[in-house]
C-alpha atoms as a PDB file:
ATOM      1  CA  MET A   1     100.355 111.059 116.411  1.00  0.00           C
ATOM      2  CA  GLU A   2      97.768 112.448 113.981  1.00  0.00           C
ATOM      3  CA  ASN A   3      99.136 115.940 114.611  1.00  0.00           C
ATOM      4  CA  LEU A   4     102.647 114.690 113.835  1.00  0.00           C
ATOM      5  CA  TYR A   5     101.537 113.225 110.499  1.00  0.00           C
ATOM      6  CA  LYS A   6      99.767 116.488 109.679  1.00  0.00           C
ATOM      7  CA  LYS A   7     102.842 118.581 110.551  1.00  0.00           C
ATOM      8  CA  VAL A   8     105.108 116.391 108.421  1.00  0.00           C
ATOM      9  CA  ALA A   9     102.633 116.387 105.527  1.00  0.00           C
ATOM     10  CA  GLU A  10     102.241 120.174 105.629  1.00  0.00           C
ATOM     11  CA  THR A  11     106.012 120.635 105.755  1.00  0.00           C
ATOM     12  CA  MET A  12     106.431 118.407 102.697  1.00  0.00           C
ATOM     13  CA  ILE A  13     103.682 120.240 100.799  1.00  0.00           C
ATOM     14  CA  ASN A  14     105.141 123.650 101.602  1.00  0.00           C
ATOM     15  CA  LEU A  15     108.813 122.851 100.992  1.00  0.00           C
ATOM     16  CA  LYS A  16     108.402 120.288  98.193  1.00  0.00           C
ATOM     17  CA  GLN A  17     112.124 119.865  97.442  1.00  0.00           C
ATOM     18  CA  CYS A  18     112.219 116.514  99.235  1.00  0.00           C
ATOM     19  CA  VAL A  19     114.862 113.788  99.049  1.00  0.00           C
ATOM     20  CA  ALA A  20     114.594 110.315 100.609  1.00  0.00           C
ATOM     21  CA  LEU A  21     117.543 108.331 101.971  1.00  0.00           C
ATOM     22  CA  THR A  22     116.604 104.670 102.355  1.00  0.00           C
ATOM     23  CA  GLY A  23     118.334 101.736 104.014  1.00  0.00           C
ATOM     24  CA  ALA A  24     117.743  98.029 104.562  1.00  0.00           C
ATOM     25  CA  GLY A  25     114.758  98.620 106.851  1.00  0.00           C
ATOM     26  CA  ILE A  26     112.507  99.670 103.966  1.00  0.00           C
ATOM     27  CA  SER A  27     113.066  96.361 102.153  1.00  0.00           C
ATOM     28  CA  GLU A  28     112.728  94.108 105.200  1.00  0.00           C
ATOM     29  CA  GLU A  29     108.958  94.221 104.674  1.00  0.00           C
ATOM     30  CA  SER A  30     109.562  92.715 101.217  1.00  0.00           C
ATOM     31  CA  GLY A  31     111.229  89.692 102.818  1.00  0.00           C
ATOM     32  CA  ILE A  32     114.802  90.840 102.222  1.00  0.00           C
ATOM     33  CA  PRO A  33     117.008  90.324 105.298  1.00  0.00           C
ATOM     34  CA  THR A  34     118.806  93.312 106.783  1.00  0.00           C
ATOM     35  CA  PHE A  35     122.567  93.315 107.217  1.00  0.00           C
ATOM     36  CA  ARG A  36     123.413  94.956 110.537  1.00  0.00           C
ATOM     37  CA  ASP A  37     120.305  94.549 112.679  1.00  0.00           C
ATOM     38  CA  LYS A  38     119.991  91.806 115.259  1.00  0.00           C
ATOM     39  CA  GLY A  39     119.721  88.572 113.284  1.00  0.00           C
ATOM     40  CA  GLY A  40     120.974  90.324 110.134  1.00  0.00           C
ATOM     41  CA  LEU A  41     123.224  88.753 107.522  1.00  0.00           C
ATOM     42  CA  TRP A  42     126.495  90.156 108.856  1.00  0.00           C
ATOM     43  CA  GLY A  43     125.672  88.859 112.314  1.00  0.00           C
ATOM     44  CA  LYS A  44     125.758  85.335 110.886  1.00  0.00           C
ATOM     45  CA  TYR A  45     128.475  85.682 108.263  1.00  0.00           C
ATOM     46  CA  ASP A  46     131.691  87.678 108.411  1.00  0.00           C
ATOM     47  CA  PRO A  47     131.370  90.253 105.607  1.00  0.00           C
ATOM     48  CA  MET A  48     135.151  90.467 105.255  1.00  0.00           C
ATOM     49  CA  VAL A  49     135.157  86.764 104.370  1.00  0.00           C
ATOM     50  CA  TYR A  50     132.002  86.552 102.282  1.00  0.00           C
ATOM     51  CA  ALA A  51     131.631  90.019 100.788  1.00  0.00           C
ATOM     52  CA  SER A  52     135.023  91.701 100.416  1.00  0.00           C
ATOM     53  CA  ILE A  53     136.527  92.422  97.019  1.00  0.00           C
ATOM     54  CA  ASP A  54     139.888  90.943  98.063  1.00  0.00           C
ATOM     55  CA  VAL A  55     138.356  87.573  98.933  1.00  0.00           C
ATOM     56  CA  PHE A  56     136.070  87.705  95.883  1.00  0.00           C
ATOM     57  CA  MET A  57     139.035  88.072  93.527  1.00  0.00           C
ATOM     58  CA  LYS A  58     140.780  85.102  95.177  1.00  0.00           C
ATOM     59  CA  ASP A  59     137.762  82.854  95.768  1.00  0.00           C
ATOM     60  CA  PRO A  60     134.448  84.143  94.338  1.00  0.00           C
ATOM     61  CA  SER A  61     132.680  80.948  95.410  1.00  0.00           C
ATOM     62  CA  LYS A  62     132.455  82.281  98.993  1.00  0.00           C
ATOM     63  CA  TYR A  63     130.344  85.252  97.904  1.00  0.00           C
ATOM     64  CA  TRP A  64     128.252  83.212  95.498  1.00  0.00           C
ATOM     65  CA  SER A  65     127.599  80.455  98.046  1.00  0.00           C
ATOM     66  CA  LEU A  66     125.976  83.117 100.249  1.00  0.00           C
ATOM     67  CA  ARG A  67     124.149  85.193  97.626  1.00  0.00           C
ATOM     68  CA  ASP A  68     123.376  82.734  94.813  1.00  0.00           C
ATOM     69  CA  LEU A  69     119.766  81.969  95.796  1.00  0.00           C
ATOM     70  CA  PHE A  70     118.970  85.608  96.576  1.00  0.00           C
ATOM     71  CA  ILE A  71     120.136  86.658  93.121  1.00  0.00           C
ATOM     72  CA  LYS A  72     118.524  83.766  91.244  1.00  0.00           C
ATOM     73  CA  ASN A  73     115.214  84.303  93.082  1.00  0.00           C
ATOM     74  CA  TYR A  74     115.341  88.044  92.374  1.00  0.00           C
ATOM     75  CA  ASP A  75     111.998  88.113  90.562  1.00  0.00           C
ATOM     76  CA  ASP A  76     110.281  86.766  93.693  1.00  0.00           C
ATOM     77  CA  TYR A  77     111.067  89.942  95.666  1.00  0.00           C
ATOM     78  CA  LYS A  78     108.435  92.631  95.212  1.00  0.00           C
ATOM     79  CA  PRO A  79     108.262  96.288  96.258  1.00  0.00           C
ATOM     80  CA  ASN A  80     106.118  96.947  99.324  1.00  0.00           C
ATOM     81  CA  LYS A  81     103.798  99.800 100.265  1.00  0.00           C
ATOM     82  CA  ALA A  82     106.708 102.011 101.305  1.00  0.00           C
ATOM     83  CA  HIS A  83     108.357 101.774  97.883  1.00  0.00           C
ATOM     84  CA  TYR A  84     105.071 102.591  96.158  1.00  0.00           C
ATOM     85  CA  ALA A  85     104.435 105.504  98.526  1.00  0.00           C
ATOM     86  CA  LEU A  86     107.755 107.062  97.511  1.00  0.00           C
ATOM     87  CA  LYS A  87     106.792 106.589  93.873  1.00  0.00           C
ATOM     88  CA  ASP A  88     103.508 108.385  94.624  1.00  0.00           C
ATOM     89  CA  LEU A  89     105.360 111.272  96.290  1.00  0.00           C
ATOM     90  CA  GLU A  90     107.547 111.597  93.206  1.00  0.00           C
ATOM     91  CA  GLU A  91     104.481 111.715  90.954  1.00  0.00           C
ATOM     92  CA  MET A  92     102.995 114.391  93.239  1.00  0.00           C
ATOM     93  CA  GLU A  93     106.162 116.446  92.567  1.00  0.00           C
ATOM     94  CA  ILE A  94     107.013 116.557  96.270  1.00  0.00           C
ATOM     95  CA  LEU A  95     109.830 114.000  96.236  1.00  0.00           C
ATOM     96  CA  ARG A  96     112.501 114.718  93.661  1.00  0.00           C
ATOM     97  CA  CYS A  97     114.936 111.889  94.349  1.00  0.00           C
ATOM     98  CA  VAL A  98     115.543 108.622  96.234  1.00  0.00           C
ATOM     99  CA  ILE A  99     119.071 107.939  97.452  1.00  0.00           C
ATOM    100  CA  THR A 100     119.298 104.301  98.483  1.00  0.00           C
ATOM    101  CA  GLN A 101     121.911 102.179 100.214  1.00  0.00           C
ATOM    102  CA  ASN A 102     120.022  99.090  99.066  1.00  0.00           C
ATOM    103  CA  ILE A 103     121.143  96.893  96.182  1.00  0.00           C
ATOM    104  CA  ASP A 104     117.772  95.200  95.623  1.00  0.00           C
ATOM    105  CA  GLY A 105     116.440  97.540  92.926  1.00  0.00           C
ATOM    106  CA  LEU A 106     112.969  97.632  94.491  1.00  0.00           C
ATOM    107  CA  HIS A 107     112.600 101.409  94.134  1.00  0.00           C
ATOM    108  CA  ILE A 108     112.975 101.055  90.378  1.00  0.00           C
ATOM    109  CA  LYS A 109     110.670  98.015  90.362  1.00  0.00           C
ATOM    110  CA  ALA A 110     108.070 100.181  92.130  1.00  0.00           C
ATOM    111  CA  GLY A 111     108.280 102.822  89.404  1.00  0.00           C
ATOM    112  CA  SER A 112     110.435 105.547  90.972  1.00  0.00           C
ATOM    113  CA  LYS A 113     112.249 107.399  88.186  1.00  0.00           C
ATOM    114  CA  ASN A 114     115.042 109.308  89.916  1.00  0.00           C
ATOM    115  CA  VAL A 115     116.931 106.763  92.028  1.00  0.00           C
ATOM    116  CA  ILE A 116     120.581 106.991  93.072  1.00  0.00           C
ATOM    117  CA  GLU A 117     121.887 103.531  94.043  1.00  0.00           C
ATOM    118  CA  ILE A 118     125.082 104.390  95.900  1.00  0.00           C
ATOM    119  CA  HIS A 119     125.993 100.741  96.546  1.00  0.00           C
ATOM    120  CA  GLY A 120     125.068  99.539  93.059  1.00  0.00           C
ATOM    121  CA  SER A 121     122.382  96.997  92.199  1.00  0.00           C
ATOM    122  CA  ILE A 122     122.064  93.253  91.760  1.00  0.00           C
ATOM    123  CA  ARG A 123     119.815  93.884  88.754  1.00  0.00           C
ATOM    124  CA  GLU A 124     122.955  93.640  86.656  1.00  0.00           C
ATOM    125  CA  ILE A 125     125.728  91.044  86.695  1.00  0.00           C
ATOM    126  CA  PHE A 126     128.868  91.513  84.624  1.00  0.00           C
ATOM    127  CA  CYS A 127     131.886  89.514  83.536  1.00  0.00           C
ATOM    128  CA  LEU A 128     135.184  90.551  85.103  1.00  0.00           C
ATOM    129  CA  LYS A 129     137.025  89.427  81.960  1.00  0.00           C
ATOM    130  CA  CYS A 130     135.046  90.718  78.951  1.00  0.00           C
ATOM    131  CA  ASN A 131     132.541  93.018  80.743  1.00  0.00           C
ATOM    132  CA  LYS A 132     129.542  91.261  79.173  1.00  0.00           C
ATOM    133  CA  LYS A 133     126.345  92.200  81.027  1.00  0.00           C
ATOM    134  CA  TYR A 134     123.724  89.765  82.316  1.00  0.00           C
ATOM    135  CA  GLU A 135     120.338  90.800  83.671  1.00  0.00           C
ATOM    136  CA  THR A 136     119.323  89.238  86.985  1.00  0.00           C
ATOM    137  CA  PRO A 137     118.100  86.518  87.400  1.00  0.00           C
ATOM    138  CA  ASN A 138     119.087  85.327  83.912  1.00  0.00           C
ATOM    139  CA  ILE A 139     122.612  84.217  84.718  1.00  0.00           C
ATOM    140  CA  PRO A 140     124.467  80.928  84.146  1.00  0.00           C
ATOM    141  CA  ASP A 141     124.354  78.210  86.786  1.00  0.00           C
ATOM    142  CA  GLY A 142     127.338  77.490  88.968  1.00  0.00           C
ATOM    143  CA  ILE A 143     129.006  78.736  92.143  1.00  0.00           C
ATOM    144  CA  PRO A 144     130.558  80.930  90.982  1.00  0.00           C
ATOM    145  CA  PRO A 145     128.823  81.400  87.629  1.00  0.00           C
ATOM    146  CA  TYR A 146     131.067  81.914  84.610  1.00  0.00           C
ATOM    147  CA  CYS A 147     130.614  83.926  81.434  1.00  0.00           C
ATOM    148  CA  SER A 148     130.767  82.197  78.035  1.00  0.00           C
ATOM    149  CA  CYS A 149     134.292  83.653  77.694  1.00  0.00           C
ATOM    150  CA  GLY A 150     135.388  81.882  80.874  1.00  0.00           C
ATOM    151  CA  GLY A 151     135.444  84.959  83.094  1.00  0.00           C
ATOM    152  CA  VAL A 152     133.905  85.051  86.574  1.00  0.00           C
ATOM    153  CA  LEU A 153     130.623  86.927  86.960  1.00  0.00           C
ATOM    154  CA  LYS A 154     130.201  89.620  89.614  1.00  0.00           C
ATOM    155  CA  PRO A 155     127.097  91.594  90.601  1.00  0.00           C
ATOM    156  CA  ASN A 156     127.296  95.313  89.857  1.00  0.00           C
ATOM    157  CA  THR A 157     127.352  96.043  93.589  1.00  0.00           C
ATOM    158  CA  VAL A 158     129.965  97.525  95.903  1.00  0.00           C
ATOM    159  CA  LEU A 159     131.774  94.929  97.999  1.00  0.00           C
ATOM    160  CA  PHE A 160     133.772  95.712 101.135  1.00  0.00           C
ATOM    161  CA  GLY A 161     137.059  97.295 100.109  1.00  0.00           C
ATOM    162  CA  GLU A 162     135.686  98.747  96.869  1.00  0.00           C
ATOM    163  CA  GLU A 163     135.158 102.430  96.230  1.00  0.00           C
ATOM    164  CA  LEU A 164     131.601 103.638  95.826  1.00  0.00           C
ATOM    165  CA  PRO A 165     130.637 104.862  92.335  1.00  0.00           C
ATOM    166  CA  PRO A 166     131.984 108.453  92.217  1.00  0.00           C
ATOM    167  CA  GLU A 167     129.149 109.746  90.033  1.00  0.00           C
ATOM    168  CA  ALA A 168     126.482 108.312  92.344  1.00  0.00           C
ATOM    169  CA  ILE A 169     128.153 109.801  95.430  1.00  0.00           C
ATOM    170  CA  MET A 170     128.521 113.186  93.736  1.00  0.00           C
ATOM    171  CA  LYS A 171     124.815 113.192  92.812  1.00  0.00           C
ATOM    172  CA  ALA A 172     123.802 112.060  96.309  1.00  0.00           C
ATOM    173  CA  LYS A 173     125.808 114.850  97.931  1.00  0.00           C
ATOM    174  CA  HIS A 174     124.365 117.443  95.543  1.00  0.00           C
ATOM    175  CA  GLU A 175     120.798 116.292  96.236  1.00  0.00           C
ATOM    176  CA  SER A 176     121.457 116.332  99.987  1.00  0.00           C
ATOM    177  CA  MET A 177     122.966 119.813  99.955  1.00  0.00           C
ATOM    178  CA  THR A 178     120.171 121.347  97.876  1.00  0.00           C
ATOM    179  CA  CYS A 179     117.044 119.653  99.252  1.00  0.00           C
ATOM    180  CA  LYS A 180     114.711 121.396 101.692  1.00  0.00           C
ATOM    181  CA  ILE A 181     113.556 118.266 103.477  1.00  0.00           C
ATOM    182  CA  MET A 182     115.116 114.814 103.794  1.00  0.00           C
ATOM    183  CA  LEU A 183     113.297 111.620 104.731  1.00  0.00           C
ATOM    184  CA  LEU A 184     115.463 109.055 106.538  1.00  0.00           C
ATOM    185  CA  ILE A 185     113.784 105.692 106.047  1.00  0.00           C
ATOM    186  CA  GLY A 186     114.932 102.374 107.493  1.00  0.00           C
ATOM    187  CA  THR A 187     118.580 103.356 107.730  1.00  0.00           C
ATOM    188  CA  SER A 188     120.913 102.996 110.694  1.00  0.00           C
ATOM    189  CA  ALA A 189     122.718 106.198 109.637  1.00  0.00           C
ATOM    190  CA  ILE A 190     126.074 104.743 110.716  1.00  0.00           C
ATOM    191  CA  VAL A 191     127.601 103.579 107.413  1.00  0.00           C
ATOM    192  CA  TYR A 192     129.652 106.255 105.683  1.00  0.00           C
ATOM    193  CA  PRO A 193     129.536 108.050 103.351  1.00  0.00           C
ATOM    194  CA  ALA A 194     125.733 107.617 103.391  1.00  0.00           C
ATOM    195  CA  ALA A 195     125.635 108.554 107.086  1.00  0.00           C
ATOM    196  CA  SER A 196     127.074 111.973 106.229  1.00  0.00           C
ATOM    197  CA  LEU A 197     124.194 112.875 103.891  1.00  0.00           C
ATOM    198  CA  PRO A 198     121.601 113.885 106.530  1.00  0.00           C
ATOM    199  CA  HIS A 199     124.263 116.025 108.200  1.00  0.00           C
ATOM    200  CA  LEU A 200     125.000 117.698 104.858  1.00  0.00           C
ATOM    201  CA  ALA A 201     121.296 118.318 104.334  1.00  0.00           C
ATOM    202  CA  GLN A 202     120.812 119.761 107.807  1.00  0.00           C
ATOM    203  CA  GLN A 203     123.906 121.954 107.565  1.00  0.00           C
ATOM    204  CA  ASN A 204     122.425 123.476 104.414  1.00  0.00           C
ATOM    205  CA  GLY A 205     119.092 124.258 106.048  1.00  0.00           C
ATOM    206  CA  ALA A 206     117.031 121.159 105.275  1.00  0.00           C
ATOM    207  CA  GLN A 207     114.589 119.668 107.764  1.00  0.00           C
ATOM    208  CA  ILE A 208     115.006 115.981 108.614  1.00  0.00           C
ATOM    209  CA  VAL A 209     112.146 113.504 109.017  1.00  0.00           C
ATOM    210  CA  GLU A 210     113.180 110.095 110.357  1.00  0.00           C
ATOM    211  CA  ILE A 211     110.929 107.062 109.837  1.00  0.00           C
ATOM    212  CA  ASN A 212     112.339 104.077 111.693  1.00  0.00           C
ATOM    213  CA  ILE A 213     111.576 101.305 114.159  1.00  0.00           C
ATOM    214  CA  GLU A 214     114.253 102.790 116.424  1.00  0.00           C
ATOM    215  CA  ARG A 215     115.638 106.305 116.391  1.00  0.00           C
ATOM    216  CA  ALA A 216     119.008 106.506 114.615  1.00  0.00           C
ATOM    217  CA  PHE A 217     119.395 110.249 113.955  1.00  0.00           C
ATOM    218  CA  PRO A 218     118.863 112.175 117.220  1.00  0.00           C
ATOM    219  CA  ASN A 219     118.990 115.571 115.490  1.00  0.00           C
ATOM    220  CA  ALA A 220     115.970 114.886 113.270  1.00  0.00           C
ATOM    221  CA  ASP A 221     113.316 117.605 113.266  1.00  0.00           C
ATOM    222  CA  TYR A 222     110.583 114.952 113.216  1.00  0.00           C
ATOM    223  CA  TYR A 223     110.684 111.291 114.203  1.00  0.00           C
ATOM    224  CA  ILE A 224     107.881 108.856 113.367  1.00  0.00           C
ATOM    225  CA  GLU A 225     108.329 105.448 114.961  1.00  0.00           C
ATOM    226  CA  GLY A 226     107.083 102.547 112.890  1.00  0.00           C
ATOM    227  CA  LYS A 227     107.489 100.453 109.776  1.00  0.00           C
ATOM    228  CA  ALA A 228     107.952 102.381 106.562  1.00  0.00           C
ATOM    229  CA  GLY A 229     105.200 100.351 104.876  1.00  0.00           C
ATOM    230  CA  VAL A 230     102.715 101.734 107.415  1.00  0.00           C
ATOM    231  CA  VAL A 231     104.056 105.257 107.938  1.00  0.00           C
ATOM    232  CA  LEU A 232     104.747 106.364 104.360  1.00  0.00           C
ATOM    233  CA  PRO A 233     101.317 105.480 102.906  1.00  0.00           C
ATOM    234  CA  LYS A 234      99.735 107.350 105.823  1.00  0.00           C
ATOM    235  CA  ILE A 235     101.852 110.421 105.027  1.00  0.00           C
ATOM    236  CA  VAL A 236     100.767 110.200 101.379  1.00  0.00           C
ATOM    237  CA  ASP A 237      97.098 109.929 102.398  1.00  0.00           C
ATOM    238  CA  THR A 238      97.470 112.910 104.750  1.00  0.00           C
ATOM    239  CA  ILE A 239      99.047 114.997 101.976  1.00  0.00           C
ATOM    240  CA  ARG A 240      96.177 114.107  99.639  1.00  0.00           C
ATOM    241  CA  THR A 241      93.586 115.051 102.272  1.00  0.00           C
ATOM    242  CA  ILE A 242      95.240 118.409 102.968  1.00  0.00           C
ATOM    243  CA  THR A 243      95.578 119.137  99.250  1.00  0.00           C
ATOM    244  CA  ILE A 244      91.897 118.364  98.587  1.00  0.00           C
ATOM    245  CA  ASP A 245      90.787 120.566 101.487  1.00  0.00           C
ATOM    246  CA  ARG A 246      92.760 123.571 100.233  1.00  0.00           C
END
């Protein structure tokens, strides 16, 4: 295992142009439930009932009844060691970008500067009527909450049936096609278009490092089994040790 960490660290030092693709697994250690894993949110609640744009426009109370406490307790959720390790890699000029499927905003809370949130973020809530912006968790009470103009409030996140932000997807594809190494962290790699990004990276010559509890991308060049909050800080420490010794 030590040799594996050393190989990955040396590859990252040598190639540098690194991009990370993160999924729900990285935030589970911050107490945020996953969606698709065993015991995840969509195993308990039908996402097409509670999190589709069609249902939201007809009856937003369904979505808000499920997500109200999560959004209003937003300040209680803190980045974990994995988020901070990615911030460290960015400061070391090894990691140039984080592409995340997560809506929790924890990468930005941790201090990462270049973050592409392809599913949006609950940091911002907006009015569907007047487009007034509210910053989470400072939103009106009520299920659903209403703007002062009377319009329904909606998180700036992508619900089922909505298109992903075109600019974010374009940036994510560009980063994937031009990176030299991609870290897959806590993602199932089955939800498109995010699942296509490691394939794009690999097709353009990038090496793939998967960090996951269970293997999700069989074609990865390196696979490190474990929690991101354990693995990533160890990679950072290994990089620092190698750099000092040179």
